[in-house]
PDB file of N, CA and C in Angstrom:
ATOM      1  N   MET A   1       5.483 -85.151 -13.560  1.00  0.00           N
ATOM      2  CA  MET A   1       5.430 -86.479 -14.155  1.00  0.00           C
ATOM      3  C   MET A   1       5.953 -87.494 -13.145  1.00  0.00           C
ATOM      4  N   LYS A   2       5.167 -88.486 -12.869  1.00  0.00           N
ATOM      5  CA  LYS A   2       5.567 -89.539 -11.949  1.00  0.00           C
ATOM      6  C   LYS A   2       6.262 -90.654 -12.739  1.00  0.00           C
ATOM      7  N   VAL A   3       7.435 -91.014 -12.290  1.00  0.00           N
ATOM      8  CA  VAL A   3       8.194 -92.073 -12.957  1.00  0.00           C
ATOM      9  C   VAL A   3       7.804 -93.409 -12.337  1.00  0.00           C
ATOM     10  N   GLU A   4       7.457 -94.342 -13.175  1.00  0.00           N
ATOM     11  CA  GLU A   4       7.141 -95.698 -12.732  1.00  0.00           C
ATOM     12  C   GLU A   4       8.445 -96.482 -12.641  1.00  0.00           C
ATOM     13  N   LYS A   5       8.785 -96.925 -11.433  1.00  0.00           N
ATOM     14  CA  LYS A   5      10.072 -97.584 -11.215  1.00  0.00           C
ATOM     15  C   LYS A   5      10.234 -98.835 -12.077  1.00  0.00           C
ATOM     16  N   ASP A   6       9.196 -99.666 -12.179  1.00  0.00           N
ATOM     17  CA  ASP A   6       9.303-100.885 -12.984  1.00  0.00           C
ATOM     18  C   ASP A   6       9.592-100.561 -14.450  1.00  0.00           C
ATOM     19  N   ILE A   7       8.924 -99.522 -14.954  1.00  0.00           N
ATOM     20  CA  ILE A   7       9.161 -99.118 -16.341  1.00  0.00           C
ATOM     21  C   ILE A   7      10.566 -98.561 -16.486  1.00  0.00           C
ATOM     22  N   LEU A   8      11.003 -97.786 -15.505  1.00  0.00           N
ATOM     23  CA  LEU A   8      12.345 -97.217 -15.567  1.00  0.00           C
ATOM     24  C   LEU A   8      13.419 -98.306 -15.553  1.00  0.00           C
ATOM     25  N   LEU A   9      13.247 -99.313 -14.702  1.00  0.00           N
ATOM     26  CA  LEU A   9      14.220-100.408 -14.664  1.00  0.00           C
ATOM     27  C   LEU A   9      14.248-101.163 -15.992  1.00  0.00           C
ATOM     28  N   GLN A  10      13.068-101.380 -16.591  1.00  0.00           N
ATOM     29  CA  GLN A  10      13.029-102.066 -17.881  1.00  0.00           C
ATOM     30  C   GLN A  10      13.623-101.182 -18.973  1.00  0.00           C
ATOM     31  N   ALA A  11      13.410 -99.875 -18.881  1.00  0.00           N
ATOM     32  CA  ALA A  11      13.987 -98.946 -19.863  1.00  0.00           C
ATOM     33  C   ALA A  11      15.512 -98.984 -19.793  1.00  0.00           C
ATOM     34  N   PHE A  12      16.055 -98.997 -18.561  1.00  0.00           N
ATOM     35  CA  PHE A  12      17.510 -99.096 -18.427  1.00  0.00           C
ATOM     36  C   PHE A  12      17.999-100.431 -18.987  1.00  0.00           C
ATOM     37  N   ALA A  13      17.274-101.503 -18.674  1.00  0.00           N
ATOM     38  CA  ALA A  13      17.645-102.833 -19.163  1.00  0.00           C
ATOM     39  C   ALA A  13      17.714-102.841 -20.686  1.00  0.00           C
ATOM     40  N   ASN A  14      16.691-102.301 -21.321  1.00  0.00           N
ATOM     41  CA  ASN A  14      16.652-102.257 -22.781  1.00  0.00           C
ATOM     42  C   ASN A  14      17.770-101.387 -23.341  1.00  0.00           C
ATOM     43  N   ALA A  15      17.994-100.235 -22.707  1.00  0.00           N
ATOM     44  CA  ALA A  15      19.035 -99.316 -23.173  1.00  0.00           C
ATOM     45  C   ALA A  15      20.417 -99.968 -23.097  1.00  0.00           C
ATOM     46  N   LEU A  16      20.692-100.625 -21.983  1.00  0.00           N
ATOM     47  CA  LEU A  16      21.978-101.296 -21.829  1.00  0.00           C
ATOM     48  C   LEU A  16      22.163-102.358 -22.909  1.00  0.00           C
ATOM     49  N   ARG A  17      21.142-103.145 -23.143  1.00  0.00           N
ATOM     50  CA  ARG A  17      21.218-104.202 -24.160  1.00  0.00           C
ATOM     51  C   ARG A  17      21.435-103.601 -25.549  1.00  0.00           C
ATOM     52  N   VAL A  18      20.692-102.546 -25.877  1.00  0.00           N
ATOM     53  CA  VAL A  18      20.817-101.897 -27.192  1.00  0.00           C
ATOM     54  C   VAL A  18      22.241-101.368 -27.388  1.00  0.00           C
ATOM     55  N   LEU A  19      22.748-100.650 -26.403  1.00  0.00           N
ATOM     56  CA  LEU A  19      24.096-100.086 -26.534  1.00  0.00           C
ATOM     57  C   LEU A  19      25.165-101.175 -26.553  1.00  0.00           C
ATOM     58  N   ARG A  20      24.988-102.200 -25.735  1.00  0.00           N
ATOM     59  CA  ARG A  20      25.958-103.303 -25.713  1.00  0.00           C
ATOM     60  C   ARG A  20      26.010-103.978 -27.073  1.00  0.00           C
ATOM     61  N   HIS A  21      24.848-104.263 -27.646  1.00  0.00           N
ATOM     62  CA  HIS A  21      24.811-104.904 -28.966  1.00  0.00           C
ATOM     63  C   HIS A  21      25.397-103.992 -30.044  1.00  0.00           C
ATOM     64  N   SER A  22      25.070-102.693 -29.973  1.00  0.00           N
ATOM     65  CA  SER A  22      25.561-101.771 -31.000  1.00  0.00           C
ATOM     66  C   SER A  22      27.080-101.657 -30.980  1.00  0.00           C
ATOM     67  N   LYS A  23      27.688-101.914 -29.834  1.00  0.00           N
ATOM     68  CA  LYS A  23      29.151-101.860 -29.709  1.00  0.00           C
ATOM     69  C   LYS A  23      29.798-103.229 -29.912  1.00  0.00           C
ATOM     70  N   GLY A  24      28.975-104.257 -30.137  1.00  0.00           N
ATOM     71  CA  GLY A  24      29.513-105.590 -30.387  1.00  0.00           C
ATOM     72  C   GLY A  24      30.031-106.293 -29.146  1.00  0.00           C
ATOM     73  N   PHE A  25      29.547-105.888 -27.988  1.00  0.00           N
ATOM     74  CA  PHE A  25      29.963-106.505 -26.729  1.00  0.00           C
ATOM     75  C   PHE A  25      29.021-107.633 -26.350  1.00  0.00           C
ATOM     76  N   SER A  26      29.588-108.692 -25.830  1.00  0.00           N
ATOM     77  CA  SER A  26      28.780-109.738 -25.200  1.00  0.00           C
ATOM     78  C   SER A  26      28.750-109.455 -23.701  1.00  0.00           C
ATOM     79  N   GLN A  27      27.858-110.109 -23.012  1.00  0.00           N
ATOM     80  CA  GLN A  27      27.854-109.985 -21.549  1.00  0.00           C
ATOM     81  C   GLN A  27      29.177-110.488 -20.985  1.00  0.00           C
ATOM     82  N   GLU A  28      29.707-111.520 -21.594  1.00  0.00           N
ATOM     83  CA  GLU A  28      30.974-112.084 -21.129  1.00  0.00           C
ATOM     84  C   GLU A  28      32.118-111.085 -21.278  1.00  0.00           C
ATOM     85  N   LYS A  29      32.115-110.334 -22.379  1.00  0.00           N
ATOM     86  CA  LYS A  29      33.177-109.346 -22.592  1.00  0.00           C
ATOM     87  C   LYS A  29      33.110-108.253 -21.525  1.00  0.00           C
ATOM     88  N   LEU A  30      31.902-107.814 -21.188  1.00  0.00           N
ATOM     89  CA  LEU A  30      31.772-106.833 -20.109  1.00  0.00           C
ATOM     90  C   LEU A  30      32.203-107.443 -18.782  1.00  0.00           C
ATOM     91  N   ALA A  31      31.916-108.709 -18.595  1.00  0.00           N
ATOM     92  CA  ALA A  31      32.276-109.382 -17.346  1.00  0.00           C
ATOM     93  C   ALA A  31      33.792-109.423 -17.155  1.00  0.00           C
ATOM     94  N   LEU A  32      34.532-109.417 -18.250  1.00  0.00           N
ATOM     95  CA  LEU A  32      35.991-109.403 -18.148  1.00  0.00           C
ATOM     96  C   LEU A  32      36.508-108.102 -17.540  1.00  0.00           C
ATOM     97  N   GLU A  33      35.657-107.091 -17.510  1.00  0.00           N
ATOM     98  CA  GLU A  33      36.045-105.784 -16.978  1.00  0.00           C
ATOM     99  C   GLU A  33      35.694-105.628 -15.501  1.00  0.00           C
ATOM    100  N   GLY A  34      35.334-106.714 -14.848  1.00  0.00           N
ATOM    101  CA  GLY A  34      35.121-106.647 -13.407  1.00  0.00           C
ATOM    102  C   GLY A  34      33.679-106.634 -12.952  1.00  0.00           C
ATOM    103  N   ILE A  35      32.745-106.757 -13.867  1.00  0.00           N
ATOM    104  CA  ILE A  35      31.330-106.856 -13.512  1.00  0.00           C
ATOM    105  C   ILE A  35      30.920-108.291 -13.806  1.00  0.00           C
ATOM    106  N   SER A  36      30.344-108.958 -12.855  1.00  0.00           N
ATOM    107  CA  SER A  36      29.991-110.355 -13.100  1.00  0.00           C
ATOM    108  C   SER A  36      28.927-110.455 -14.193  1.00  0.00           C
ATOM    109  N   ARG A  37      28.998-111.544 -14.942  1.00  0.00           N
ATOM    110  CA  ARG A  37      28.015-111.773 -16.001  1.00  0.00           C
ATOM    111  C   ARG A  37      26.616-111.833 -15.414  1.00  0.00           C
ATOM    112  N   GLY A  38      26.481-112.425 -14.235  1.00  0.00           N
ATOM    113  CA  GLY A  38      25.183-112.509 -13.569  1.00  0.00           C
ATOM    114  C   GLY A  38      24.622-111.130 -13.250  1.00  0.00           C
ATOM    115  N   HIS A  39      25.497-110.229 -12.822  1.00  0.00           N
ATOM    116  CA  HIS A  39      25.065-108.861 -12.512  1.00  0.00           C
ATOM    117  C   HIS A  39      24.590-108.159 -13.783  1.00  0.00           C
ATOM    118  N   ILE A  40      25.341-108.319 -14.853  1.00  0.00           N
ATOM    119  CA  ILE A  40      24.960-107.718 -16.128  1.00  0.00           C
ATOM    120  C   ILE A  40      23.629-108.296 -16.600  1.00  0.00           C
ATOM    121  N   SER A  41      23.487-109.603 -16.489  1.00  0.00           N
ATOM    122  CA  SER A  41      22.240-110.256 -16.869  1.00  0.00           C
ATOM    123  C   SER A  41      21.071-109.713 -16.059  1.00  0.00           C
ATOM    124  N   ASP A  42      21.258-109.566 -14.755  1.00  0.00           N
ATOM    125  CA  ASP A  42      20.197-109.011 -13.901  1.00  0.00           C
ATOM    126  C   ASP A  42      19.846-107.582 -14.309  1.00  0.00           C
ATOM    127  N   LEU A  43      20.845-106.783 -14.649  1.00  0.00           N
ATOM    128  CA  LEU A  43      20.583-105.416 -15.103  1.00  0.00           C
ATOM    129  C   LEU A  43      19.775-105.419 -16.394  1.00  0.00           C
ATOM    130  N   GLU A  44      20.129-106.321 -17.309  1.00  0.00           N
ATOM    131  CA  GLU A  44      19.439-106.376 -18.601  1.00  0.00           C
ATOM    132  C   GLU A  44      18.056-107.019 -18.511  1.00  0.00           C
ATOM    133  N   ARG A  45      17.742-107.591 -17.400  1.00  0.00           N
ATOM    134  CA  ARG A  45      16.397-108.148 -17.183  1.00  0.00           C
ATOM    135  C   ARG A  45      15.543-107.240 -16.300  1.00  0.00           C
ATOM    136  N   GLY A  46      16.125-106.131 -15.879  1.00  0.00           N
ATOM    137  CA  GLY A  46      15.398-105.204 -15.025  1.00  0.00           C
ATOM    138  C   GLY A  46      15.232-105.702 -13.602  1.00  0.00           C
ATOM    139  N   ARG A  47      16.090-106.616 -13.194  1.00  0.00           N
ATOM    140  CA  ARG A  47      16.013-107.196 -11.850  1.00  0.00           C
ATOM    141  C   ARG A  47      16.864-106.450 -10.826  1.00  0.00           C
ATOM    142  N   ARG A  48      17.732-105.570 -11.299  1.00  0.00           N
ATOM    143  CA  ARG A  48      18.588-104.792 -10.396  1.00  0.00           C
ATOM    144  C   ARG A  48      18.440-103.319 -10.719  1.00  0.00           C
ATOM    145  N   ASP A  49      18.472-102.529  -9.685  1.00  0.00           N
ATOM    146  CA  ASP A  49      18.426-101.079  -9.821  1.00  0.00           C
ATOM    147  C   ASP A  49      19.868-100.578  -9.753  1.00  0.00           C
ATOM    148  N   PRO A  50      20.436-100.167 -10.890  1.00  0.00           N
ATOM    149  CA  PRO A  50      21.849 -99.799 -10.894  1.00  0.00           C
ATOM    150  C   PRO A  50      22.105 -98.479 -10.167  1.00  0.00           C
ATOM    151  N   ARG A  51      23.226 -98.429  -9.497  1.00  0.00           N
ATOM    152  CA  ARG A  51      23.666 -97.188  -8.870  1.00  0.00           C
ATOM    153  C   ARG A  51      24.223 -96.282  -9.960  1.00  0.00           C
ATOM    154  N   LEU A  52      24.249 -95.005  -9.663  1.00  0.00           N
ATOM    155  CA  LEU A  52      24.778 -94.033 -10.607  1.00  0.00           C
ATOM    156  C   LEU A  52      26.208 -94.373 -11.003  1.00  0.00           C
ATOM    157  N   SER A  53      27.015 -94.789 -10.038  1.00  0.00           N
ATOM    158  CA  SER A  53      28.408 -95.130 -10.344  1.00  0.00           C
ATOM    159  C   SER A  53      28.489 -96.331 -11.302  1.00  0.00           C
ATOM    160  N   MET A  54      27.569 -97.281 -11.177  1.00  0.00           N
ATOM    161  CA  MET A  54      27.547 -98.432 -12.084  1.00  0.00           C
ATOM    162  C   MET A  54      27.146 -97.988 -13.491  1.00  0.00           C
ATOM    163  N   MET A  55      26.163 -97.119 -13.585  1.00  0.00           N
ATOM    164  CA  MET A  55      25.746 -96.626 -14.897  1.00  0.00           C
ATOM    165  C   MET A  55      26.897 -95.887 -15.581  1.00  0.00           C
ATOM    166  N   TRP A  56      27.619 -95.082 -14.802  1.00  0.00           N
ATOM    167  CA  TRP A  56      28.759 -94.336 -15.354  1.00  0.00           C
ATOM    168  C   TRP A  56      29.825 -95.308 -15.850  1.00  0.00           C
ATOM    169  N   TYR A  57      30.128 -96.311 -15.041  1.00  0.00           N
ATOM    170  CA  TYR A  57      31.143 -97.306 -15.395  1.00  0.00           C
ATOM    171  C   TYR A  57      30.739 -98.065 -16.660  1.00  0.00           C
ATOM    172  N   LEU A  58      29.472 -98.452 -16.753  1.00  0.00           N
ATOM    173  CA  LEU A  58      29.006 -99.157 -17.943  1.00  0.00           C
ATOM    174  C   LEU A  58      29.145 -98.290 -19.195  1.00  0.00           C
ATOM    175  N   ALA A  59      28.813 -97.015 -19.078  1.00  0.00           N
ATOM    176  CA  ALA A  59      28.975 -96.106 -20.221  1.00  0.00           C
ATOM    177  C   ALA A  59      30.447 -96.053 -20.643  1.00  0.00           C
ATOM    178  N   GLU A  60      31.341 -95.982 -19.666  1.00  0.00           N
ATOM    179  CA  GLU A  60      32.777 -95.963 -19.990  1.00  0.00           C
ATOM    180  C   GLU A  60      33.200 -97.253 -20.679  1.00  0.00           C
ATOM    181  N   LEU A  61      32.759 -98.396 -20.150  1.00  0.00           N
ATOM    182  CA  LEU A  61      33.124 -99.679 -20.751  1.00  0.00           C
ATOM    183  C   LEU A  61      32.616 -99.799 -22.186  1.00  0.00           C
ATOM    184  N   LEU A  62      31.425 -99.260 -22.427  1.00  0.00           N
ATOM    185  CA  LEU A  62      30.830 -99.320 -23.763  1.00  0.00           C
ATOM    186  C   LEU A  62      31.348 -98.208 -24.675  1.00  0.00           C
ATOM    187  N   ASN A  63      32.222 -97.356 -24.101  1.00  0.00           N
ATOM    188  CA  ASN A  63      32.819 -96.260 -24.861  1.00  0.00           C
ATOM    189  C   ASN A  63      31.761 -95.324 -25.446  1.00  0.00           C
ATOM    190  N   VAL A  64      30.782 -94.984 -24.611  1.00  0.00           N
ATOM    191  CA  VAL A  64      29.763 -94.010 -24.990  1.00  0.00           C
ATOM    192  C   VAL A  64      29.697 -92.956 -23.883  1.00  0.00           C
ATOM    193  N   PRO A  65      29.366 -91.729 -24.230  1.00  0.00           N
ATOM    194  CA  PRO A  65      29.186 -90.732 -23.183  1.00  0.00           C
ATOM    195  C   PRO A  65      28.020 -91.128 -22.273  1.00  0.00           C
ATOM    196  N   PHE A  66      28.124 -90.760 -21.019  1.00  0.00           N
ATOM    197  CA  PHE A  66      27.036 -91.045 -20.081  1.00  0.00           C
ATOM    198  C   PHE A  66      25.715 -90.481 -20.601  1.00  0.00           C
ATOM    199  N   THR A  67      25.787 -89.324 -21.244  1.00  0.00           N
ATOM    200  CA  THR A  67      24.568 -88.710 -21.776  1.00  0.00           C
ATOM    201  C   THR A  67      23.915 -89.578 -22.859  1.00  0.00           C
ATOM    202  N   ALA A  68      24.718 -90.324 -23.604  1.00  0.00           N
ATOM    203  CA  ALA A  68      24.163 -91.230 -24.615  1.00  0.00           C
ATOM    204  C   ALA A  68      23.373 -92.348 -23.940  1.00  0.00           C
ATOM    205  N   LEU A  69      23.912 -92.866 -22.841  1.00  0.00           N
ATOM    206  CA  LEU A  69      23.194 -93.887 -22.082  1.00  0.00           C
ATOM    207  C   LEU A  69      21.899 -93.301 -21.526  1.00  0.00           C
ATOM    208  N   ALA A  70      21.979 -92.110 -20.964  1.00  0.00           N
ATOM    209  CA  ALA A  70      20.789 -91.465 -20.395  1.00  0.00           C
ATOM    210  C   ALA A  70      19.733 -91.214 -21.472  1.00  0.00           C
ATOM    211  N   ARG A  71      20.154 -90.759 -22.640  1.00  0.00           N
ATOM    212  CA  ARG A  71      19.199 -90.519 -23.737  1.00  0.00           C
ATOM    213  C   ARG A  71      18.529 -91.812 -24.176  1.00  0.00           C
ATOM    214  N   GLU A  72      19.307 -92.892 -24.230  1.00  0.00           N
ATOM    215  CA  GLU A  72      18.728 -94.180 -24.637  1.00  0.00           C
ATOM    216  C   GLU A  72      17.736 -94.678 -23.587  1.00  0.00           C
ATOM    217  N   VAL A  73      18.052 -94.477 -22.305  1.00  0.00           N
ATOM    218  CA  VAL A  73      17.100 -94.854 -21.243  1.00  0.00           C
ATOM    219  C   VAL A  73      15.818 -94.045 -21.406  1.00  0.00           C
ATOM    220  N   GLU A  74      15.961 -92.759 -21.656  1.00  0.00           N
ATOM    221  CA  GLU A  74      14.789 -91.897 -21.826  1.00  0.00           C
ATOM    222  C   GLU A  74      13.956 -92.340 -23.035  1.00  0.00           C
ATOM    223  N   ARG A  75      14.632 -92.681 -24.112  1.00  0.00           N
ATOM    224  CA  ARG A  75      13.926 -93.147 -25.325  1.00  0.00           C
ATOM    225  C   ARG A  75      13.171 -94.443 -25.047  1.00  0.00           C
ATOM    226  N   GLN A  76      13.837 -95.358 -24.374  1.00  0.00           N
ATOM    227  CA  GLN A  76      13.206 -96.635 -24.032  1.00  0.00           C
ATOM    228  C   GLN A  76      12.027 -96.432 -23.076  1.00  0.00           C
ATOM    229  N   TYR A  77      12.193 -95.523 -22.120  1.00  0.00           N
ATOM    230  CA  TYR A  77      11.124 -95.249 -21.157  1.00  0.00           C
ATOM    231  C   TYR A  77       9.882 -94.733 -21.883  1.00  0.00           C
ATOM    232  N   ALA A  78      10.073 -93.782 -22.785  1.00  0.00           N
ATOM    233  CA  ALA A  78       8.945 -93.224 -23.540  1.00  0.00           C
ATOM    234  C   ALA A  78       8.247 -94.312 -24.345  1.00  0.00           C
ATOM    235  N   HIS A  79       9.032 -95.182 -24.959  1.00  0.00           N
ATOM    236  CA  HIS A  79       8.463 -96.289 -25.751  1.00  0.00           C
ATOM    237  C   HIS A  79       7.647 -97.228 -24.858  1.00  0.00           C
ATOM    238  N   LEU A  80       8.211 -97.612 -23.721  1.00  0.00           N
ATOM    239  CA  LEU A  80       7.505 -98.534 -22.830  1.00  0.00           C
ATOM    240  C   LEU A  80       6.255 -97.899 -22.216  1.00  0.00           C
ATOM    241  N   GLU A  81       6.346 -96.626 -21.876  1.00  0.00           N
ATOM    242  CA  GLU A  81       5.200 -95.927 -21.304  1.00  0.00           C
ATOM    243  C   GLU A  81       4.065 -95.863 -22.321  1.00  0.00           C
ATOM    244  N   LYS A  82       4.407 -95.565 -23.559  1.00  0.00           N
ATOM    245  CA  LYS A  82       3.400 -95.520 -24.647  1.00  0.00           C
ATOM    246  C   LYS A  82       2.794 -96.893 -24.859  1.00  0.00           C
ATOM    247  N   LYS A  83       3.633 -97.903 -24.869  1.00  0.00           N
ATOM    248  CA  LYS A  83       3.167 -99.285 -25.065  1.00  0.00           C
ATOM    249  C   LYS A  83       2.212 -99.692 -23.931  1.00  0.00           C
ATOM    250  N   ASN A  84       2.542 -99.343 -22.699  1.00  0.00           N
ATOM    251  CA  ASN A  84       1.695 -99.699 -21.562  1.00  0.00           C
ATOM    252  C   ASN A  84       0.352 -98.994 -21.595  1.00  0.00           C
ATOM    253  N   LYS A  85       0.306 -97.780 -22.141  1.00  0.00           N
ATOM    254  CA  LYS A  85      -0.961 -97.054 -22.243  1.00  0.00           C
ATOM    255  C   LYS A  85      -1.905 -97.702 -23.248  1.00  0.00           C
ATOM    256  N   HIS A  86      -1.335 -98.361 -24.239  1.00  0.00           N
ATOM    257  CA  HIS A  86      -2.139 -98.987 -25.291  1.00  0.00           C
ATOM    258  C   HIS A  86      -2.560-100.413 -24.958  1.00  0.00           C
ATOM    259  N   GLU A  87      -2.055-100.918 -23.860  1.00  0.00           N
ATOM    260  CA  GLU A  87      -2.406-102.313 -23.484  1.00  0.00           C
ATOM    261  C   GLU A  87      -3.602-102.344 -22.580  1.00  0.00           C
TER     262      GLU A  87
END
C-alpha cells in the first residue's frame, strides 16, 4: 500500500484537532506548553510534517497514549482516502 503524503498530513491534522477538541484544549492552551500556536495551527492545517518526537509530545500533552493518536491518524487516513476515491 502506497501512502499518499498529502493525505497522511491531512489525516494527522484532523486527528490532532479531534483529540484536542475531545480533551477541551485550545491551541492557545497547548501553546502554553512550549509549542507555538502558529506551529500547532500549521500542524492542524496539514502544512507541517511533524517529527515523531513532536507527535509523542503532543500525545503526552493531550493525555492520550501515543497509540490513540496513531489510531486516530489511521482512522482519518482511511476516511480521507475513501472520500478521495469517490470524488
